[in-house]
């Protein structure tokens, strides 16, 4: 897709927001910026994009300024030549994006990979975030955990990466499976497929499963720097029917961020903000009143 152009396949009724673009370190980054009030910076996981947050934004934009971006190679963002789509690089882009928009004192809303990527950006720029919303995510190395070792080894294997590039495997497998309560409609699923409509575009999603263990240094650095972020007020919103992240990961987040509240949506899956947007938005409203910046 041409850089900086919103493609015609984006349905304005499903995604009724103005698409904005900003140049960040040679990338053309797409984002939406809706509403006014305390800032919520919403970061997606794999293989989604800012479309994931559409219903949460609808719910919250009357009282919050909702900013949701796409990492280079995801959604409507385009990556510069030589970009490898690593979480380390995505964190650098999010950091530079926050600098470009002058974001300070915001609330990070991070789901799946959006958790470690956003936390890494917050560690690099103290003051960018003063509150955290973490949803079905993690923030430490998983090396040595047989569950994640196996997941990363299989998902990151050469045959699976090839299938991801050739047949959009990550979208076709993960997006439906990650919604337990409210399965995506054909039109909604098409918005994830069309965002990765070529083998080149699918490389971004194909890379990340292997990085769960291969980016060990990134996660070690993140974990060692969490002392900067762990005192922040934190809301943990957890899809209780998720088949990727377990109760074990939620408990570790609760121990890592002692000033936390937890809201469990028992029948929601991995993409809890999309699967149960009303409950997700209500949890944020209850925990973070709109008149508290």
C-alpha atoms as a PDB file:
ATOM      1  CA  UNK A   1       0.000   0.000   0.000  1.00  0.00           C
ATOM      2  CA  UNK A   2       1.271   3.542  -0.675  1.00  0.00           C
ATOM      3  CA  UNK A   3       2.818   5.088   2.406  1.00  0.00           C
ATOM      4  CA  UNK A   4       0.557   7.593   4.118  1.00  0.00           C
ATOM      5  CA  UNK A   5      -2.592   6.574   2.238  1.00  0.00           C
ATOM      6  CA  UNK A   6      -5.596   4.930   3.855  1.00  0.00           C
ATOM      7  CA  UNK A   7      -6.597   2.079   1.546  1.00  0.00           C
ATOM      8  CA  UNK A   8     -10.100   1.822   0.162  1.00  0.00           C
ATOM      9  CA  UNK A   9     -10.725  -1.540   1.845  1.00  0.00           C
ATOM     10  CA  UNK A  10     -10.881   0.088   5.295  1.00  0.00           C
ATOM     11  CA  UNK A  11     -14.599   0.256   6.077  1.00  0.00           C
ATOM     12  CA  UNK A  12     -15.518   3.611   7.591  1.00  0.00           C
ATOM     13  CA  UNK A  13     -18.409   2.042   9.486  1.00  0.00           C
ATOM     14  CA  UNK A  14     -16.122  -0.517  11.152  1.00  0.00           C
ATOM     15  CA  UNK A  15     -13.221   1.874  11.683  1.00  0.00           C
ATOM     16  CA  UNK A  16     -14.851   5.327  11.866  1.00  0.00           C
ATOM     17  CA  UNK A  17     -11.734   7.277  12.775  1.00  0.00           C
ATOM     18  CA  UNK A  18      -9.433   9.639  10.952  1.00  0.00           C
ATOM     19  CA  UNK A  19      -6.242   7.872   9.881  1.00  0.00           C
ATOM     20  CA  UNK A  20      -3.169   9.924  10.696  1.00  0.00           C
ATOM     21  CA  UNK A  21       0.422   9.304   9.642  1.00  0.00           C
ATOM     22  CA  UNK A  22       3.735  10.471  11.045  1.00  0.00           C
ATOM     23  CA  UNK A  23       7.292   9.843   9.889  1.00  0.00           C
ATOM     24  CA  UNK A  24       9.267   8.123  12.646  1.00  0.00           C
ATOM     25  CA  UNK A  25      12.907   7.211  12.025  1.00  0.00           C
ATOM     26  CA  UNK A  26      12.229   6.532   8.348  1.00  0.00           C
ATOM     27  CA  UNK A  27       8.980   4.616   8.938  1.00  0.00           C
ATOM     28  CA  UNK A  28       5.519   5.868   8.006  1.00  0.00           C
ATOM     29  CA  UNK A  29       3.514   5.140  11.154  1.00  0.00           C
ATOM     30  CA  UNK A  30      -0.270   5.039  11.064  1.00  0.00           C
ATOM     31  CA  UNK A  31      -2.272   5.988  14.139  1.00  0.00           C
ATOM     32  CA  UNK A  32      -5.639   7.235  15.295  1.00  0.00           C
ATOM     33  CA  UNK A  33      -6.060  10.034  17.814  1.00  0.00           C
ATOM     34  CA  UNK A  34      -9.640  10.332  19.038  1.00  0.00           C
ATOM     35  CA  UNK A  35     -11.287  12.304  21.828  1.00  0.00           C
ATOM     36  CA  UNK A  36      -9.869  14.496  24.565  1.00  0.00           C
ATOM     37  CA  UNK A  37      -8.915  14.113  28.184  1.00  0.00           C
ATOM     38  CA  UNK A  38      -6.341  11.884  29.876  1.00  0.00           C
ATOM     39  CA  UNK A  39      -4.240  10.122  27.255  1.00  0.00           C
ATOM     40  CA  UNK A  40      -4.501   6.396  26.632  1.00  0.00           C
ATOM     41  CA  UNK A  41      -1.789   4.965  24.345  1.00  0.00           C
ATOM     42  CA  UNK A  42      -3.071   1.641  23.014  1.00  0.00           C
ATOM     43  CA  UNK A  43      -0.552  -0.909  21.752  1.00  0.00           C
ATOM     44  CA  UNK A  44      -1.546  -4.069  19.912  1.00  0.00           C
ATOM     45  CA  UNK A  45      -0.005  -7.519  19.722  1.00  0.00           C
ATOM     46  CA  UNK A  46       0.447 -10.067  16.947  1.00  0.00           C
ATOM     47  CA  UNK A  47      -0.983 -10.178  14.256  1.00  0.00           C
ATOM     48  CA  UNK A  48      -3.348  -7.280  14.915  1.00  0.00           C
ATOM     49  CA  UNK A  49      -3.266  -3.486  14.479  1.00  0.00           C
ATOM     50  CA  UNK A  50      -5.107  -0.435  15.800  1.00  0.00           C
ATOM     51  CA  UNK A  51      -8.314  -1.947  14.387  1.00  0.00           C
ATOM     52  CA  UNK A  52      -8.219  -4.186  17.481  1.00  0.00           C
ATOM     53  CA  UNK A  53      -9.089  -1.207  19.684  1.00  0.00           C
ATOM     54  CA  UNK A  54     -11.950   0.206  17.601  1.00  0.00           C
ATOM     55  CA  UNK A  55     -14.799  -0.597  20.009  1.00  0.00           C
ATOM     56  CA  UNK A  56     -12.820   0.391  23.103  1.00  0.00           C
ATOM     57  CA  UNK A  57     -12.065   3.733  21.437  1.00  0.00           C
ATOM     58  CA  UNK A  58     -15.754   4.235  20.656  1.00  0.00           C
ATOM     59  CA  UNK A  59     -16.558   3.606  24.315  1.00  0.00           C
ATOM     60  CA  UNK A  60     -13.876   5.872  25.790  1.00  0.00           C
ATOM     61  CA  UNK A  61     -13.290   8.759  23.371  1.00  0.00           C
ATOM     62  CA  UNK A  62     -15.946  10.921  24.990  1.00  0.00           C
ATOM     63  CA  UNK A  63     -13.778  11.212  28.111  1.00  0.00           C
ATOM     64  CA  UNK A  64     -10.267  10.146  27.097  1.00  0.00           C
ATOM     65  CA  UNK A  65      -7.829  10.945  24.330  1.00  0.00           C
ATOM     66  CA  UNK A  66      -7.328   7.564  22.705  1.00  0.00           C
ATOM     67  CA  UNK A  67      -4.152   7.107  20.652  1.00  0.00           C
ATOM     68  CA  UNK A  68      -3.612   3.762  18.918  1.00  0.00           C
ATOM     69  CA  UNK A  69      -0.736   3.130  16.524  1.00  0.00           C
ATOM     70  CA  UNK A  70       0.417   0.345  14.230  1.00  0.00           C
ATOM     71  CA  UNK A  71       3.995  -0.907  14.433  1.00  0.00           C
ATOM     72  CA  UNK A  72       5.906  -0.774  11.131  1.00  0.00           C
ATOM     73  CA  UNK A  73       4.760  -3.692   8.993  1.00  0.00           C
ATOM     74  CA  UNK A  74       1.429  -4.005  10.818  1.00  0.00           C
ATOM     75  CA  UNK A  75      -1.905  -2.444   9.954  1.00  0.00           C
ATOM     76  CA  UNK A  76      -1.494   0.618   7.778  1.00  0.00           C
ATOM     77  CA  UNK A  77       2.103   1.435   8.792  1.00  0.00           C
ATOM     78  CA  UNK A  78       5.015   0.916   6.425  1.00  0.00           C
ATOM     79  CA  UNK A  79       8.544   0.020   7.474  1.00  0.00           C
ATOM     80  CA  UNK A  80      11.759   1.446   6.107  1.00  0.00           C
ATOM     81  CA  UNK A  81      14.147  -0.813   4.226  1.00  0.00           C
ATOM     82  CA  UNK A  82      16.124  -3.171   6.436  1.00  0.00           C
ATOM     83  CA  UNK A  83      13.624  -3.244   9.299  1.00  0.00           C
ATOM     84  CA  UNK A  84      13.572  -6.685  10.936  1.00  0.00           C
ATOM     85  CA  UNK A  85      10.264  -6.418  12.860  1.00  0.00           C
ATOM     86  CA  UNK A  86      11.890  -7.309  16.174  1.00  0.00           C
ATOM     87  CA  UNK A  87      10.283  -6.288  19.482  1.00  0.00           C
ATOM     88  CA  UNK A  88      13.447  -4.326  20.276  1.00  0.00           C
ATOM     89  CA  UNK A  89      12.896  -2.267  17.137  1.00  0.00           C
ATOM     90  CA  UNK A  90       9.172  -1.826  17.776  1.00  0.00           C
ATOM     91  CA  UNK A  91       9.990  -0.433  21.242  1.00  0.00           C
ATOM     92  CA  UNK A  92      12.351   2.076  19.642  1.00  0.00           C
ATOM     93  CA  UNK A  93       9.618   3.150  17.226  1.00  0.00           C
ATOM     94  CA  UNK A  94       7.059   3.556  20.035  1.00  0.00           C
ATOM     95  CA  UNK A  95       9.577   5.634  21.995  1.00  0.00           C
ATOM     96  CA  UNK A  96      10.222   7.878  18.994  1.00  0.00           C
ATOM     97  CA  UNK A  97       6.490   8.073  18.261  1.00  0.00           C
ATOM     98  CA  UNK A  98       5.806   9.317  21.802  1.00  0.00           C
ATOM     99  CA  UNK A  99       8.572  11.881  21.374  1.00  0.00           C
ATOM    100  CA  UNK A 100       7.133  13.032  18.041  1.00  0.00           C
ATOM    101  CA  UNK A 101       3.666  13.567  19.527  1.00  0.00           C
ATOM    102  CA  UNK A 102       4.984  15.004  22.800  1.00  0.00           C
ATOM    103  CA  UNK A 103       3.250  12.345  24.885  1.00  0.00           C
ATOM    104  CA  UNK A 104       3.875  12.574  28.635  1.00  0.00           C
ATOM    105  CA  UNK A 105       1.873  11.450  31.643  1.00  0.00           C
ATOM    106  CA  UNK A 106      -0.143   8.977  29.582  1.00  0.00           C
ATOM    107  CA  UNK A 107      -1.616   5.600  30.422  1.00  0.00           C
ATOM    108  CA  UNK A 108      -0.122   2.666  28.554  1.00  0.00           C
ATOM    109  CA  UNK A 109      -2.729   0.163  27.388  1.00  0.00           C
ATOM    110  CA  UNK A 110      -0.733  -2.884  26.262  1.00  0.00           C
ATOM    111  CA  UNK A 111      -2.071  -6.243  25.111  1.00  0.00           C
ATOM    112  CA  UNK A 112       0.026  -9.291  24.131  1.00  0.00           C
ATOM    113  CA  UNK A 113       3.269  -7.935  22.575  1.00  0.00           C
ATOM    114  CA  UNK A 114       2.008  -4.416  23.322  1.00  0.00           C
ATOM    115  CA  UNK A 115       2.859  -5.037  26.980  1.00  0.00           C
ATOM    116  CA  UNK A 116       6.620  -5.602  26.700  1.00  0.00           C
ATOM    117  CA  UNK A 117       6.981  -3.200  23.780  1.00  0.00           C
ATOM    118  CA  UNK A 118       5.178  -0.411  25.638  1.00  0.00           C
ATOM    119  CA  UNK A 119       6.899  -1.102  28.943  1.00  0.00           C
ATOM    120  CA  UNK A 120      10.285  -1.027  27.212  1.00  0.00           C
ATOM    121  CA  UNK A 121       9.403   2.353  25.705  1.00  0.00           C
ATOM    122  CA  UNK A 122       8.293   3.610  29.109  1.00  0.00           C
ATOM    123  CA  UNK A 123      11.518   2.432  30.705  1.00  0.00           C
ATOM    124  CA  UNK A 124      13.534   4.272  28.068  1.00  0.00           C
ATOM    125  CA  UNK A 125      11.513   7.480  28.514  1.00  0.00           C
ATOM    126  CA  UNK A 126      10.477   7.817  32.166  1.00  0.00           C
ATOM    127  CA  UNK A 127       7.493  10.120  32.407  1.00  0.00           C
ATOM    128  CA  UNK A 128       5.885   8.977  29.167  1.00  0.00           C
ATOM    129  CA  UNK A 129       3.537   6.757  31.170  1.00  0.00           C
ATOM    130  CA  UNK A 130       2.316   7.308  34.702  1.00  0.00           C
ATOM    131  CA  UNK A 131      -0.320   4.560  34.685  1.00  0.00           C
ATOM    132  CA  UNK A 132      -0.481   1.103  33.148  1.00  0.00           C
ATOM    133  CA  UNK A 133      -3.235  -1.113  31.768  1.00  0.00           C
ATOM    134  CA  UNK A 134      -1.902  -4.589  30.994  1.00  0.00           C
ATOM    135  CA  UNK A 135      -4.028  -7.197  29.246  1.00  0.00           C
ATOM    136  CA  UNK A 136      -2.983 -10.825  28.662  1.00  0.00           C
ATOM    137  CA  UNK A 137       0.701 -10.070  28.384  1.00  0.00           C
ATOM    138  CA  UNK A 138       4.085 -10.559  30.044  1.00  0.00           C
ATOM    139  CA  UNK A 139       7.290  -8.635  30.807  1.00  0.00           C
ATOM    140  CA  UNK A 140      10.173 -11.068  31.465  1.00  0.00           C
ATOM    141  CA  UNK A 141      12.245 -13.740  29.700  1.00  0.00           C
ATOM    142  CA  UNK A 142      10.415 -17.002  29.083  1.00  0.00           C
ATOM    143  CA  UNK A 143      13.531 -19.043  28.358  1.00  0.00           C
ATOM    144  CA  UNK A 144      13.483 -22.205  30.430  1.00  0.00           C
ATOM    145  CA  UNK A 145       9.686 -22.346  30.623  1.00  0.00           C
ATOM    146  CA  UNK A 146       8.799 -25.513  28.642  1.00  0.00           C
ATOM    147  CA  UNK A 147       5.397 -24.089  27.667  1.00  0.00           C
ATOM    148  CA  UNK A 148       6.787 -20.978  25.994  1.00  0.00           C
ATOM    149  CA  UNK A 149       9.904 -22.746  24.733  1.00  0.00           C
ATOM    150  CA  UNK A 150       7.717 -25.202  22.802  1.00  0.00           C
ATOM    151  CA  UNK A 151       5.354 -22.493  21.559  1.00  0.00           C
ATOM    152  CA  UNK A 152       8.245 -20.349  20.334  1.00  0.00           C
ATOM    153  CA  UNK A 153      10.139 -23.267  18.784  1.00  0.00           C
ATOM    154  CA  UNK A 154       7.135 -24.516  16.815  1.00  0.00           C
ATOM    155  CA  UNK A 155       5.652 -21.126  15.921  1.00  0.00           C
ATOM    156  CA  UNK A 156       9.056 -19.775  14.967  1.00  0.00           C
ATOM    157  CA  UNK A 157      10.181 -22.794  12.936  1.00  0.00           C
ATOM    158  CA  UNK A 158      11.088 -22.333   9.284  1.00  0.00           C
ATOM    159  CA  UNK A 159       8.035 -24.277   7.992  1.00  0.00           C
ATOM    160  CA  UNK A 160       5.620 -22.256  10.142  1.00  0.00           C
ATOM    161  CA  UNK A 161       7.248 -18.964   9.152  1.00  0.00           C
ATOM    162  CA  UNK A 162       6.923 -19.971   5.505  1.00  0.00           C
ATOM    163  CA  UNK A 163       3.242 -20.806   5.988  1.00  0.00           C
ATOM    164  CA  UNK A 164       2.722 -17.477   7.749  1.00  0.00           C
ATOM    165  CA  UNK A 165       4.144 -15.633   4.756  1.00  0.00           C
ATOM    166  CA  UNK A 166       2.444 -17.748   2.120  1.00  0.00           C
ATOM    167  CA  UNK A 167      -1.030 -18.259   3.559  1.00  0.00           C
ATOM    168  CA  UNK A 168      -1.487 -15.628   6.288  1.00  0.00           C
ATOM    169  CA  UNK A 169      -1.408 -18.416   8.866  1.00  0.00           C
ATOM    170  CA  UNK A 170      -0.963 -16.173  11.911  1.00  0.00           C
ATOM    171  CA  UNK A 171      -4.049 -14.105  11.123  1.00  0.00           C
ATOM    172  CA  UNK A 172      -6.170 -17.081  10.075  1.00  0.00           C
ATOM    173  CA  UNK A 173      -5.240 -19.122  13.152  1.00  0.00           C
ATOM    174  CA  UNK A 174      -4.820 -16.618  15.960  1.00  0.00           C
ATOM    175  CA  UNK A 175      -7.458 -13.961  15.380  1.00  0.00           C
ATOM    176  CA  UNK A 176     -10.473 -16.321  15.437  1.00  0.00           C
ATOM    177  CA  UNK A 177      -8.996 -18.456  18.245  1.00  0.00           C
ATOM    178  CA  UNK A 178      -8.176 -15.389  20.348  1.00  0.00           C
ATOM    179  CA  UNK A 179     -11.834 -14.322  20.459  1.00  0.00           C
ATOM    180  CA  UNK A 180     -13.828 -16.620  22.720  1.00  0.00           C
ATOM    181  CA  UNK A 181     -16.968 -14.586  23.332  1.00  0.00           C
ATOM    182  CA  UNK A 182     -17.473 -12.529  20.199  1.00  0.00           C
ATOM    183  CA  UNK A 183     -15.966 -14.152  17.129  1.00  0.00           C
ATOM    184  CA  UNK A 184     -14.905 -11.753  14.351  1.00  0.00           C
ATOM    185  CA  UNK A 185     -17.373 -11.321  11.510  1.00  0.00           C
ATOM    186  CA  UNK A 186     -16.133 -12.062   7.982  1.00  0.00           C
ATOM    187  CA  UNK A 187     -15.782  -8.317   7.385  1.00  0.00           C
ATOM    188  CA  UNK A 188     -13.759  -7.838  10.576  1.00  0.00           C
ATOM    189  CA  UNK A 189     -11.499 -10.788   9.825  1.00  0.00           C
ATOM    190  CA  UNK A 190     -10.989  -9.380   6.333  1.00  0.00           C
ATOM    191  CA  UNK A 191      -9.540  -6.208   7.899  1.00  0.00           C
ATOM    192  CA  UNK A 192      -6.805  -8.286   9.525  1.00  0.00           C
ATOM    193  CA  UNK A 193      -6.166 -10.278   6.359  1.00  0.00           C
ATOM    194  CA  UNK A 194      -6.053  -7.245   4.091  1.00  0.00           C
ATOM    195  CA  UNK A 195      -3.567  -5.493   6.361  1.00  0.00           C
ATOM    196  CA  UNK A 196      -1.205  -8.406   5.597  1.00  0.00           C
ATOM    197  CA  UNK A 197      -2.136  -9.026   1.981  1.00  0.00           C
ATOM    198  CA  UNK A 198       1.297 -10.021   0.670  1.00  0.00           C
ATOM    199  CA  UNK A 199       4.143 -12.257   1.767  1.00  0.00           C
ATOM    200  CA  UNK A 200       6.222  -9.140   2.413  1.00  0.00           C
ATOM    201  CA  UNK A 201       3.541  -7.661   4.675  1.00  0.00           C
ATOM    202  CA  UNK A 202       3.183 -10.981   6.531  1.00  0.00           C
ATOM    203  CA  UNK A 203       6.831 -11.035   7.507  1.00  0.00           C
ATOM    204  CA  UNK A 204       6.081  -8.801  10.505  1.00  0.00           C
ATOM    205  CA  UNK A 205       3.707 -11.374  12.013  1.00  0.00           C
ATOM    206  CA  UNK A 206       5.900 -14.329  11.024  1.00  0.00           C
ATOM    207  CA  UNK A 207       8.902 -12.992  12.959  1.00  0.00           C
ATOM    208  CA  UNK A 208       7.413 -12.557  16.428  1.00  0.00           C
ATOM    209  CA  UNK A 209       6.698 -16.127  17.615  1.00  0.00           C
ATOM    210  CA  UNK A 210      10.398 -16.996  17.489  1.00  0.00           C
ATOM    211  CA  UNK A 211      11.278 -13.779  19.326  1.00  0.00           C
ATOM    212  CA  UNK A 212       9.438 -14.957  22.454  1.00  0.00           C
ATOM    213  CA  UNK A 213      12.646 -16.782  23.323  1.00  0.00           C
ATOM    214  CA  UNK A 214      15.135 -15.405  20.772  1.00  0.00           C
ATOM    215  CA  UNK A 215      14.809 -11.847  22.166  1.00  0.00           C
ATOM    216  CA  UNK A 216      16.038 -12.984  25.564  1.00  0.00           C
ATOM    217  CA  UNK A 217      18.374  -9.992  25.985  1.00  0.00           C
ATOM    218  CA  UNK A 218      15.492  -7.607  25.300  1.00  0.00           C
ATOM    219  CA  UNK A 219      13.358  -9.254  27.968  1.00  0.00           C
ATOM    220  CA  UNK A 220      16.233  -9.428  30.448  1.00  0.00           C
ATOM    221  CA  UNK A 221      16.850  -5.713  30.024  1.00  0.00           C
ATOM    222  CA  UNK A 222      13.133  -5.022  30.358  1.00  0.00           C
ATOM    223  CA  UNK A 223      12.799  -7.074  33.533  1.00  0.00           C
ATOM    224  CA  UNK A 224      15.851  -5.490  35.133  1.00  0.00           C
ATOM    225  CA  UNK A 225      14.443  -2.029  34.421  1.00  0.00           C
ATOM    226  CA  UNK A 226      10.953  -2.646  35.727  1.00  0.00           C
ATOM    227  CA  UNK A 227      11.862  -1.038  39.038  1.00  0.00           C
ATOM    228  CA  UNK A 228      11.201   2.274  37.263  1.00  0.00           C
ATOM    229  CA  UNK A 229       7.676   1.221  36.290  1.00  0.00           C
ATOM    230  CA  UNK A 230       6.574  -1.280  38.945  1.00  0.00           C
ATOM    231  CA  UNK A 231       5.402   1.408  41.426  1.00  0.00           C
ATOM    232  CA  UNK A 232       2.940   2.864  38.884  1.00  0.00           C
ATOM    233  CA  UNK A 233      -0.800   2.379  39.382  1.00  0.00           C
ATOM    234  CA  UNK A 234      -1.687  -0.625  37.257  1.00  0.00           C
ATOM    235  CA  UNK A 235      -4.907  -2.155  36.000  1.00  0.00           C
ATOM    236  CA  UNK A 236      -4.680  -5.780  34.873  1.00  0.00           C
ATOM    237  CA  UNK A 237      -7.569  -6.734  32.570  1.00  0.00           C
ATOM    238  CA  UNK A 238      -7.484 -10.445  31.899  1.00  0.00           C
ATOM    239  CA  UNK A 239      -9.358 -12.603  29.428  1.00  0.00           C
ATOM    240  CA  UNK A 240      -9.973 -15.672  31.552  1.00  0.00           C
ATOM    241  CA  UNK A 241     -10.600 -17.985  28.568  1.00  0.00           C
ATOM    242  CA  UNK A 242      -7.256 -17.154  26.926  1.00  0.00           C
ATOM    243  CA  UNK A 243      -5.385 -20.229  25.673  1.00  0.00           C
ATOM    244  CA  UNK A 244      -2.000 -18.450  25.386  1.00  0.00           C
ATOM    245  CA  UNK A 245      -1.394 -16.643  28.675  1.00  0.00           C
ATOM    246  CA  UNK A 246      -2.126 -18.553  31.841  1.00  0.00           C
ATOM    247  CA  UNK A 247      -3.118 -17.705  35.402  1.00  0.00           C
ATOM    248  CA  UNK A 248       0.594 -18.054  36.140  1.00  0.00           C
ATOM    249  CA  UNK A 249       1.430 -15.017  33.973  1.00  0.00           C
ATOM    250  CA  UNK A 250      -1.360 -12.955  35.504  1.00  0.00           C
ATOM    251  CA  UNK A 251      -0.137 -13.768  39.024  1.00  0.00           C
ATOM    252  CA  UNK A 252       3.384 -12.728  38.119  1.00  0.00           C
ATOM    253  CA  UNK A 253       2.131  -9.395  36.756  1.00  0.00           C
ATOM    254  CA  UNK A 254       0.213  -8.854  39.992  1.00  0.00           C
ATOM    255  CA  UNK A 255       3.374  -9.530  41.989  1.00  0.00           C
ATOM    256  CA  UNK A 256       5.479  -7.285  39.747  1.00  0.00           C
ATOM    257  CA  UNK A 257       3.089  -4.321  39.948  1.00  0.00           C
ATOM    258  CA  UNK A 258       1.945  -4.200  43.587  1.00  0.00           C
ATOM    259  CA  UNK A 259      -0.250  -1.091  43.167  1.00  0.00           C
ATOM    260  CA  UNK A 260      -2.669  -2.978  40.963  1.00  0.00           C
ATOM    261  CA  UNK A 261      -6.300  -3.802  40.482  1.00  0.00           C
ATOM    262  CA  UNK A 262      -7.338  -6.870  38.499  1.00  0.00           C
ATOM    263  CA  UNK A 263     -10.463  -7.253  36.381  1.00  0.00           C
ATOM    264  CA  UNK A 264     -11.020 -10.768  35.040  1.00  0.00           C
ATOM    265  CA  UNK A 265     -13.396 -11.255  32.115  1.00  0.00           C
ATOM    266  CA  UNK A 266     -13.933 -14.976  32.554  1.00  0.00           C
ATOM    267  CA  UNK A 267     -15.227 -15.877  29.082  1.00  0.00           C
ATOM    268  CA  UNK A 268     -12.993 -13.564  27.011  1.00  0.00           C
ATOM    269  CA  UNK A 269      -9.922 -14.660  25.109  1.00  0.00           C
ATOM    270  CA  UNK A 270      -6.483 -13.340  24.255  1.00  0.00           C
ATOM    271  CA  UNK A 271      -7.789 -10.227  22.491  1.00  0.00           C
ATOM    272  CA  UNK A 272      -9.885  -9.201  25.478  1.00  0.00           C
ATOM    273  CA  UNK A 273     -10.245  -5.564  24.368  1.00  0.00           C
ATOM    274  CA  UNK A 274     -11.870  -6.711  21.137  1.00  0.00           C
ATOM    275  CA  UNK A 275     -13.648  -9.727  22.613  1.00  0.00           C
ATOM    276  CA  UNK A 276     -15.252  -7.817  25.500  1.00  0.00           C
ATOM    277  CA  UNK A 277     -14.887  -4.088  24.701  1.00  0.00           C
ATOM    278  CA  UNK A 278     -17.661  -2.881  26.973  1.00  0.00           C
ATOM    279  CA  UNK A 279     -16.187  -4.627  30.005  1.00  0.00           C
ATOM    280  CA  UNK A 280     -12.680  -3.534  29.060  1.00  0.00           C
ATOM    281  CA  UNK A 281     -13.743   0.107  28.775  1.00  0.00           C
ATOM    282  CA  UNK A 282     -15.807  -0.073  31.972  1.00  0.00           C
ATOM    283  CA  UNK A 283     -12.808  -1.407  33.896  1.00  0.00           C
ATOM    284  CA  UNK A 284     -10.703   1.541  32.719  1.00  0.00           C
ATOM    285  CA  UNK A 285     -13.439   4.047  33.568  1.00  0.00           C
ATOM    286  CA  UNK A 286     -13.852   2.640  37.058  1.00  0.00           C
ATOM    287  CA  UNK A 287     -10.124   2.558  37.756  1.00  0.00           C
ATOM    288  CA  UNK A 288      -9.155   5.789  35.978  1.00  0.00           C
ATOM    289  CA  UNK A 289     -11.880   8.447  36.231  1.00  0.00           C
ATOM    290  CA  UNK A 290     -11.752  10.758  33.228  1.00  0.00           C
ATOM    291  CA  UNK A 291     -11.284  13.857  35.392  1.00  0.00           C
ATOM    292  CA  UNK A 292      -8.013  12.454  36.793  1.00  0.00           C
ATOM    293  CA  UNK A 293      -5.170  13.290  34.398  1.00  0.00           C
END
